[in-house]
Amino acid sequence: MSSCNLAILISGSGTNQQAVVDAVKNGDIPNARVALVISSREGAYGLERAEKQGIPNMVIDKRETKKLLETLEAHDINGIVLAGYLTILPPDVISAYSKRIINIHPALLPMFGGIGFYGIKVHQAVLASGVKYTGATAHIVDCGVDTGAALVRGVVRILPDDTKESLQKRVLKTEHEVLVLAVKALALDKVDEHIRKPQILVNEADKKGVAEYAKGLLELGNALTDADNGEL
């Protein structure tokens, strides 16, 4: 199995980026290395994170499709992680890396996904809807917006006193866990297995509360996973 050379694409602070970098470093994502960090804008803190860790990094404008493809090729990239990348990738890039691009979304797709659903706007919409559970989804990127096949979903219970800010903070932790599992699948060439049977990540504290919700997802062909101990 050839090594998975990852490019992480960001637009902001890079917390999901850091989760992937840490997981690669400590062996939770085997057979992989973070070879490149690309930001869609100047001043993103994720660039500073990469610089401190000795990871090649740069800014590439969203309109520079040719430059993006040439840069990915020059760094022998064979896996792409969108970690808070607030730009829609052009079709040429998606085609060149078919089923090799993973995005993380702060909701349980297909709910609360698509154009206009990003950042704290997602959590605001979740709370306004009155649903009892939310979470995060790592999925394959296709030519739609948040429409690619799900690989891993992490379930988060909504608390009675949640604000959009408190919910965002708790979902972010699950985003990190979900993204690491999905990137691991990419690195180990197990993407197709996860497409056929996506994982559901349920944390110990929420197991009882989300049991019925998870049961419904299991009936749709997902695989239940314990955040601490692996597949149940």
C-alpha atoms as a PDB file:
ATOM      1  CA  MET A   1       0.000   0.000   0.000  1.00  0.00           C
ATOM      2  CA  SER A   2       1.498   3.323  -1.069  1.00  0.00           C
ATOM      3  CA  SER A   3       1.736   6.117   1.480  1.00  0.00           C
ATOM      4  CA  CYS A   4      -1.103   8.641   1.519  1.00  0.00           C
ATOM      5  CA  ASN A   5       0.274  12.144   1.005  1.00  0.00           C
ATOM      6  CA  LEU A   6      -2.337  14.539   2.349  1.00  0.00           C
ATOM      7  CA  ALA A   7      -3.055  18.129   1.433  1.00  0.00           C
ATOM      8  CA  ILE A   8      -5.226  19.939   3.977  1.00  0.00           C
ATOM      9  CA  LEU A   9      -7.227  22.856   2.588  1.00  0.00           C
ATOM     10  CA  ILE A  10      -8.366  25.534   5.031  1.00  0.00           C
ATOM     11  CA  SER A  11      -9.819  29.013   5.267  1.00  0.00           C
ATOM     12  CA  GLY A  12      -9.523  29.767   8.976  1.00  0.00           C
ATOM     13  CA  SER A  13      -7.994  28.803  12.293  1.00  0.00           C
ATOM     14  CA  GLY A  14      -7.208  25.210  11.376  1.00  0.00           C
ATOM     15  CA  THR A  15      -8.525  23.296  14.405  1.00  0.00           C
ATOM     16  CA  ASN A  16      -9.630  20.368  12.242  1.00  0.00           C
ATOM     17  CA  GLN A  17      -6.307  20.627  10.441  1.00  0.00           C
ATOM     18  CA  GLN A  18      -4.557  20.273  13.794  1.00  0.00           C
ATOM     19  CA  ALA A  19      -6.645  17.224  14.682  1.00  0.00           C
ATOM     20  CA  VAL A  20      -5.495  15.479  11.505  1.00  0.00           C
ATOM     21  CA  VAL A  21      -1.850  16.518  11.961  1.00  0.00           C
ATOM     22  CA  ASP A  22      -1.864  15.240  15.555  1.00  0.00           C
ATOM     23  CA  ALA A  23      -3.544  11.961  14.564  1.00  0.00           C
ATOM     24  CA  VAL A  24      -0.967  11.332  11.849  1.00  0.00           C
ATOM     25  CA  LYS A  25       1.853  12.125  14.264  1.00  0.00           C
ATOM     26  CA  ASN A  26       0.636   9.802  17.019  1.00  0.00           C
ATOM     27  CA  GLY A  27      -0.254   6.951  14.684  1.00  0.00           C
ATOM     28  CA  ASP A  28      -4.047   7.161  14.816  1.00  0.00           C
ATOM     29  CA  ILE A  29      -3.922   7.737  11.051  1.00  0.00           C
ATOM     30  CA  PRO A  30      -1.341   5.211   9.813  1.00  0.00           C
ATOM     31  CA  ASN A  31       0.229   5.145   6.356  1.00  0.00           C
ATOM     32  CA  ALA A  32      -0.156   8.907   5.941  1.00  0.00           C
ATOM     33  CA  ARG A  33       1.731  12.161   6.131  1.00  0.00           C
ATOM     34  CA  VAL A  34       0.547  15.746   5.918  1.00  0.00           C
ATOM     35  CA  ALA A  35       2.546  17.031   2.961  1.00  0.00           C
ATOM     36  CA  LEU A  36       0.891  20.395   2.358  1.00  0.00           C
ATOM     37  CA  VAL A  37      -1.501  22.975   3.810  1.00  0.00           C
ATOM     38  CA  ILE A  38      -3.279  25.350   1.431  1.00  0.00           C
ATOM     39  CA  SER A  39      -5.407  28.292   2.507  1.00  0.00           C
ATOM     40  CA  SER A  40      -7.966  30.091   0.382  1.00  0.00           C
ATOM     41  CA  ARG A  41      -7.083  33.379   2.068  1.00  0.00           C
ATOM     42  CA  GLU A  42      -4.172  35.273   3.550  1.00  0.00           C
ATOM     43  CA  GLY A  43      -3.866  35.472   7.312  1.00  0.00           C
ATOM     44  CA  ALA A  44      -5.579  32.185   8.153  1.00  0.00           C
ATOM     45  CA  TYR A  45      -4.164  30.963  11.452  1.00  0.00           C
ATOM     46  CA  GLY A  46      -3.928  27.455  10.057  1.00  0.00           C
ATOM     47  CA  LEU A  47      -0.997  28.669   7.949  1.00  0.00           C
ATOM     48  CA  GLU A  48       0.839  29.669  11.106  1.00  0.00           C
ATOM     49  CA  ARG A  49       0.105  26.274  12.630  1.00  0.00           C
ATOM     50  CA  ALA A  50       1.600  24.589   9.562  1.00  0.00           C
ATOM     51  CA  GLU A  51       4.652  26.860   9.595  1.00  0.00           C
ATOM     52  CA  LYS A  52       5.397  26.017  13.222  1.00  0.00           C
ATOM     53  CA  GLN A  53       5.201  22.305  12.425  1.00  0.00           C
ATOM     54  CA  GLY A  54       7.399  22.504   9.361  1.00  0.00           C
ATOM     55  CA  ILE A  55       4.601  21.667   6.927  1.00  0.00           C
ATOM     56  CA  PRO A  56       4.837  23.338   3.500  1.00  0.00           C
ATOM     57  CA  ASN A  57       2.022  25.877   3.203  1.00  0.00           C
ATOM     58  CA  MET A  58       0.734  28.546   0.882  1.00  0.00           C
ATOM     59  CA  VAL A  59      -2.245  30.632  -0.195  1.00  0.00           C
ATOM     60  CA  ILE A  60      -3.971  29.813  -3.479  1.00  0.00           C
ATOM     61  CA  ASP A  61      -6.921  31.901  -4.614  1.00  0.00           C
ATOM     62  CA  LYS A  62     -10.099  29.948  -5.315  1.00  0.00           C
ATOM     63  CA  ARG A  63     -10.009  31.096  -8.948  1.00  0.00           C
ATOM     64  CA  GLU A  64      -6.570  29.607  -9.595  1.00  0.00           C
ATOM     65  CA  THR A  65      -7.642  26.085 -10.535  1.00  0.00           C
ATOM     66  CA  LYS A  66      -4.596  25.386 -12.705  1.00  0.00           C
ATOM     67  CA  LYS A  67      -2.203  26.511  -9.971  1.00  0.00           C
ATOM     68  CA  LEU A  68      -4.016  24.368  -7.408  1.00  0.00           C
ATOM     69  CA  LEU A  69      -3.793  21.245  -9.563  1.00  0.00           C
ATOM     70  CA  GLU A  70      -0.145  21.880 -10.423  1.00  0.00           C
ATOM     71  CA  THR A  71       0.713  22.402  -6.756  1.00  0.00           C
ATOM     72  CA  LEU A  72      -1.039  19.221  -5.667  1.00  0.00           C
ATOM     73  CA  GLU A  73       0.782  17.263  -8.365  1.00  0.00           C
ATOM     74  CA  ALA A  74       4.144  18.806  -7.484  1.00  0.00           C
ATOM     75  CA  HIS A  75       3.750  17.600  -3.889  1.00  0.00           C
ATOM     76  CA  ASP A  76       2.632  14.091  -4.964  1.00  0.00           C
ATOM     77  CA  ILE A  77      -0.714  14.554  -3.229  1.00  0.00           C
ATOM     78  CA  ASN A  78      -3.080  11.591  -3.373  1.00  0.00           C
ATOM     79  CA  GLY A  79      -5.539  12.606  -0.666  1.00  0.00           C
ATOM     80  CA  ILE A  80      -7.211  15.943   0.100  1.00  0.00           C
ATOM     81  CA  VAL A  81      -8.881  17.010   3.351  1.00  0.00           C
ATOM     82  CA  LEU A  82     -11.186  20.036   3.387  1.00  0.00           C
ATOM     83  CA  ALA A  83     -10.929  21.255   6.973  1.00  0.00           C
ATOM     84  CA  GLY A  84     -13.018  24.399   7.198  1.00  0.00           C
ATOM     85  CA  TYR A  85     -12.361  25.239   3.541  1.00  0.00           C
ATOM     86  CA  LEU A  86     -15.048  27.786   2.676  1.00  0.00           C
ATOM     87  CA  THR A  87     -14.681  27.450  -1.074  1.00  0.00           C
ATOM     88  CA  ILE A  88     -16.352  25.113  -3.552  1.00  0.00           C
ATOM     89  CA  LEU A  89     -13.723  23.086  -5.367  1.00  0.00           C
ATOM     90  CA  PRO A  90     -13.836  23.305  -9.178  1.00  0.00           C
ATOM     91  CA  PRO A  91     -14.933  20.204 -11.134  1.00  0.00           C
ATOM     92  CA  ASP A  92     -11.420  19.679 -12.557  1.00  0.00           C
ATOM     93  CA  VAL A  93      -9.994  19.134  -9.074  1.00  0.00           C
ATOM     94  CA  ILE A  94     -12.868  16.875  -7.993  1.00  0.00           C
ATOM     95  CA  SER A  95     -12.457  14.779 -11.139  1.00  0.00           C
ATOM     96  CA  ALA A  96      -8.691  14.464 -10.682  1.00  0.00           C
ATOM     97  CA  TYR A  97      -9.134  13.239  -7.090  1.00  0.00           C
ATOM     98  CA  SER A  98     -12.327  11.212  -7.362  1.00  0.00           C
ATOM     99  CA  LYS A  99     -13.199   9.638  -3.982  1.00  0.00           C
ATOM    100  CA  ARG A 100      -9.925  11.025  -2.603  1.00  0.00           C
ATOM    101  CA  ILE A 101     -11.333  14.292  -1.192  1.00  0.00           C
ATOM    102  CA  ILE A 102     -12.945  14.386   2.258  1.00  0.00           C
ATOM    103  CA  ASN A 103     -14.929  17.262   3.741  1.00  0.00           C
ATOM    104  CA  ILE A 104     -16.105  17.769   7.322  1.00  0.00           C
ATOM    105  CA  HIS A 105     -19.532  19.346   7.896  1.00  0.00           C
ATOM    106  CA  PRO A 106     -20.923  20.403  11.314  1.00  0.00           C
ATOM    107  CA  ALA A 107     -24.288  18.657  11.032  1.00  0.00           C
ATOM    108  CA  LEU A 108     -25.787  15.252  10.329  1.00  0.00           C
ATOM    109  CA  LEU A 109     -26.015  15.342   6.557  1.00  0.00           C
ATOM    110  CA  PRO A 110     -28.171  15.371   4.556  1.00  0.00           C
ATOM    111  CA  MET A 111     -29.838  17.600   7.168  1.00  0.00           C
ATOM    112  CA  PHE A 112     -28.606  21.208   7.390  1.00  0.00           C
ATOM    113  CA  GLY A 113     -26.293  20.974   4.401  1.00  0.00           C
ATOM    114  CA  GLY A 114     -25.948  22.765   1.091  1.00  0.00           C
ATOM    115  CA  ILE A 115     -25.445  26.354   0.019  1.00  0.00           C
ATOM    116  CA  GLY A 116     -25.586  28.798   2.916  1.00  0.00           C
ATOM    117  CA  PHE A 117     -25.084  26.166   5.632  1.00  0.00           C
ATOM    118  CA  TYR A 118     -21.622  26.759   7.040  1.00  0.00           C
ATOM    119  CA  GLY A 119     -20.005  27.747  10.336  1.00  0.00           C
ATOM    120  CA  ILE A 120     -22.224  28.980  13.113  1.00  0.00           C
ATOM    121  CA  LYS A 121     -25.128  29.414  10.659  1.00  0.00           C
ATOM    122  CA  VAL A 122     -25.524  25.646  10.742  1.00  0.00           C
ATOM    123  CA  HIS A 123     -25.909  25.548  14.525  1.00  0.00           C
ATOM    124  CA  GLN A 124     -28.316  28.462  14.474  1.00  0.00           C
ATOM    125  CA  ALA A 125     -30.504  26.605  11.988  1.00  0.00           C
ATOM    126  CA  VAL A 126     -30.283  23.380  13.996  1.00  0.00           C
ATOM    127  CA  LEU A 127     -31.495  25.083  17.172  1.00  0.00           C
ATOM    128  CA  ALA A 128     -34.276  26.901  15.326  1.00  0.00           C
ATOM    129  CA  SER A 129     -35.544  23.604  13.910  1.00  0.00           C
ATOM    130  CA  GLY A 130     -36.161  22.033  17.316  1.00  0.00           C
ATOM    131  CA  VAL A 131     -34.377  18.753  16.552  1.00  0.00           C
ATOM    132  CA  LYS A 132     -32.973  16.806  19.521  1.00  0.00           C
ATOM    133  CA  TYR A 133     -29.727  15.613  17.945  1.00  0.00           C
ATOM    134  CA  THR A 134     -27.096  17.064  15.687  1.00  0.00           C
ATOM    135  CA  GLY A 135     -23.471  16.211  15.040  1.00  0.00           C
ATOM    136  CA  ALA A 136     -20.857  16.152  12.299  1.00  0.00           C
ATOM    137  CA  THR A 137     -20.424  14.319   9.009  1.00  0.00           C
ATOM    138  CA  ALA A 138     -17.255  13.480   7.097  1.00  0.00           C
ATOM    139  CA  HIS A 139     -18.119  12.808   3.488  1.00  0.00           C
ATOM    140  CA  ILE A 140     -16.674  12.375   0.035  1.00  0.00           C
ATOM    141  CA  VAL A 141     -16.670  15.554  -2.030  1.00  0.00           C
ATOM    142  CA  ASP A 142     -18.539  15.470  -5.322  1.00  0.00           C
ATOM    143  CA  CYS A 143     -19.713  18.260  -7.631  1.00  0.00           C
ATOM    144  CA  GLY A 144     -22.652  19.155  -5.393  1.00  0.00           C
ATOM    145  CA  VAL A 145     -22.560  21.062  -2.104  1.00  0.00           C
ATOM    146  CA  ASP A 146     -22.485  18.620   0.846  1.00  0.00           C
ATOM    147  CA  THR A 147     -24.000  15.914  -1.364  1.00  0.00           C
ATOM    148  CA  GLY A 148     -21.179  13.353  -1.451  1.00  0.00           C
ATOM    149  CA  ALA A 149     -21.386   9.936   0.191  1.00  0.00           C
ATOM    150  CA  ALA A 150     -21.083   9.982   3.987  1.00  0.00           C
ATOM    151  CA  LEU A 151     -18.165   8.073   5.529  1.00  0.00           C
ATOM    152  CA  VAL A 152     -18.561   8.830   9.246  1.00  0.00           C
ATOM    153  CA  ARG A 153     -21.244  10.613  11.286  1.00  0.00           C
ATOM    154  CA  GLY A 154     -20.827  11.676  14.894  1.00  0.00           C
ATOM    155  CA  VAL A 155     -23.964  12.223  16.966  1.00  0.00           C
ATOM    156  CA  VAL A 156     -24.258  15.065  19.501  1.00  0.00           C
ATOM    157  CA  ARG A 157     -27.219  15.520  21.838  1.00  0.00           C
ATOM    158  CA  ILE A 158     -28.677  19.035  21.994  1.00  0.00           C
ATOM    159  CA  LEU A 159     -28.969  20.315  25.556  1.00  0.00           C
ATOM    160  CA  PRO A 160     -31.933  22.392  26.801  1.00  0.00           C
ATOM    161  CA  ASP A 161     -29.763  25.446  27.468  1.00  0.00           C
ATOM    162  CA  ASP A 162     -27.651  25.230  24.310  1.00  0.00           C
ATOM    163  CA  THR A 163     -26.860  28.412  22.415  1.00  0.00           C
ATOM    164  CA  LYS A 164     -25.456  28.386  18.916  1.00  0.00           C
ATOM    165  CA  GLU A 165     -22.033  29.113  20.431  1.00  0.00           C
ATOM    166  CA  SER A 166     -22.149  26.321  23.033  1.00  0.00           C
ATOM    167  CA  LEU A 167     -23.445  23.853  20.464  1.00  0.00           C
ATOM    168  CA  GLN A 168     -20.726  24.841  18.006  1.00  0.00           C
ATOM    169  CA  LYS A 169     -18.079  24.189  20.648  1.00  0.00           C
ATOM    170  CA  ARG A 170     -19.369  20.714  21.475  1.00  0.00           C
ATOM    171  CA  VAL A 171     -19.888  19.723  17.852  1.00  0.00           C
ATOM    172  CA  LEU A 172     -16.336  20.842  17.032  1.00  0.00           C
ATOM    173  CA  LYS A 173     -14.917  18.143  19.300  1.00  0.00           C
ATOM    174  CA  THR A 174     -16.956  15.561  17.427  1.00  0.00           C
ATOM    175  CA  GLU A 175     -15.825  17.035  14.105  1.00  0.00           C
ATOM    176  CA  HIS A 176     -12.224  16.273  15.067  1.00  0.00           C
ATOM    177  CA  GLU A 177     -13.048  12.658  15.960  1.00  0.00           C
ATOM    178  CA  VAL A 178     -15.166  12.066  12.865  1.00  0.00           C
ATOM    179  CA  LEU A 179     -12.626  13.609  10.506  1.00  0.00           C
ATOM    180  CA  VAL A 180      -9.768  11.518  11.893  1.00  0.00           C
ATOM    181  CA  LEU A 181     -11.756   8.302  11.334  1.00  0.00           C
ATOM    182  CA  ALA A 182     -12.595   9.318   7.764  1.00  0.00           C
ATOM    183  CA  VAL A 183      -9.017  10.281   6.906  1.00  0.00           C
ATOM    184  CA  LYS A 184      -7.856   6.973   8.375  1.00  0.00           C
ATOM    185  CA  ALA A 185     -10.224   5.196   5.988  1.00  0.00           C
ATOM    186  CA  LEU A 186      -8.741   7.198   3.107  1.00  0.00           C
ATOM    187  CA  ALA A 187      -5.164   6.396   4.135  1.00  0.00           C
ATOM    188  CA  LEU A 188      -5.936   2.670   4.431  1.00  0.00           C
ATOM    189  CA  ASP A 189      -7.880   2.510   1.129  1.00  0.00           C
ATOM    190  CA  LYS A 190     -11.128   1.689   2.943  1.00  0.00           C
ATOM    191  CA  VAL A 191     -13.258   4.503   1.527  1.00  0.00           C
ATOM    192  CA  ASP A 192     -15.483   2.160  -0.470  1.00  0.00           C
ATOM    193  CA  GLU A 193     -16.173   0.099   2.661  1.00  0.00           C
ATOM    194  CA  HIS A 194     -17.277   3.236   4.514  1.00  0.00           C
ATOM    195  CA  ILE A 195     -19.426   4.361   1.601  1.00  0.00           C
ATOM    196  CA  ARG A 196     -21.246   1.021   1.701  1.00  0.00           C
ATOM    197  CA  LYS A 197     -21.574   1.134   5.491  1.00  0.00           C
ATOM    198  CA  PRO A 198     -20.865   4.553   7.048  1.00  0.00           C
ATOM    199  CA  GLN A 199     -19.819   4.650  10.694  1.00  0.00           C
ATOM    200  CA  ILE A 200     -21.843   6.313  13.444  1.00  0.00           C
ATOM    201  CA  LEU A 201     -19.682   7.690  16.243  1.00  0.00           C
ATOM    202  CA  VAL A 202     -21.400   7.810  19.641  1.00  0.00           C
ATOM    203  CA  ASN A 203     -19.575   9.066  22.729  1.00  0.00           C
ATOM    204  CA  GLU A 204     -19.934   7.246  26.065  1.00  0.00           C
ATOM    205  CA  ALA A 205     -21.792  10.119  27.756  1.00  0.00           C
ATOM    206  CA  ASP A 206     -24.427  10.232  25.012  1.00  0.00           C
ATOM    207  CA  LYS A 207     -24.971   6.527  24.389  1.00  0.00           C
ATOM    208  CA  LYS A 208     -28.243   6.189  26.248  1.00  0.00           C
ATOM    209  CA  GLY A 209     -29.703   9.408  24.922  1.00  0.00           C
ATOM    210  CA  VAL A 210     -28.917   8.714  21.264  1.00  0.00           C
ATOM    211  CA  ALA A 211     -29.739   5.001  21.229  1.00  0.00           C
ATOM    212  CA  GLU A 212     -33.015   5.395  19.365  1.00  0.00           C
ATOM    213  CA  TYR A 213     -31.526   7.901  16.956  1.00  0.00           C
ATOM    214  CA  ALA A 214     -28.570   5.629  16.230  1.00  0.00           C
ATOM    215  CA  LYS A 215     -30.913   2.680  15.738  1.00  0.00           C
ATOM    216  CA  GLY A 216     -32.550   4.509  12.871  1.00  0.00           C
ATOM    217  CA  LEU A 217     -29.180   5.175  11.256  1.00  0.00           C
ATOM    218  CA  LEU A 218     -28.183   1.531  11.704  1.00  0.00           C
ATOM    219  CA  GLU A 219     -31.302   0.488   9.831  1.00  0.00           C
ATOM    220  CA  LEU A 220     -30.087   2.652   6.948  1.00  0.00           C
ATOM    221  CA  GLY A 221     -26.871   0.626   6.747  1.00  0.00           C
ATOM    222  CA  ASN A 222     -24.488   2.548   9.016  1.00  0.00           C
ATOM    223  CA  ALA A 223     -22.043   0.905  11.446  1.00  0.00           C
ATOM    224  CA  LEU A 224     -22.124   1.936  15.109  1.00  0.00           C
ATOM    225  CA  THR A 225     -18.764   2.968  16.594  1.00  0.00           C
ATOM    226  CA  ASP A 226     -17.747   3.782  20.150  1.00  0.00           C
ATOM    227  CA  ALA A 227     -15.589   6.916  20.291  1.00  0.00           C
ATOM    228  CA  ASP A 228     -13.363   5.292  22.906  1.00  0.00           C
ATOM    229  CA  ASN A 229     -13.320   1.617  22.058  1.00  0.00           C
ATOM    230  CA  GLY A 230     -13.978   1.179  18.340  1.00  0.00           C
ATOM    231  CA  GLU A 231     -16.788  -0.623  16.508  1.00  0.00           C
ATOM    232  CA  LEU A 232     -19.531  -2.083  18.690  1.00  0.00           C
END
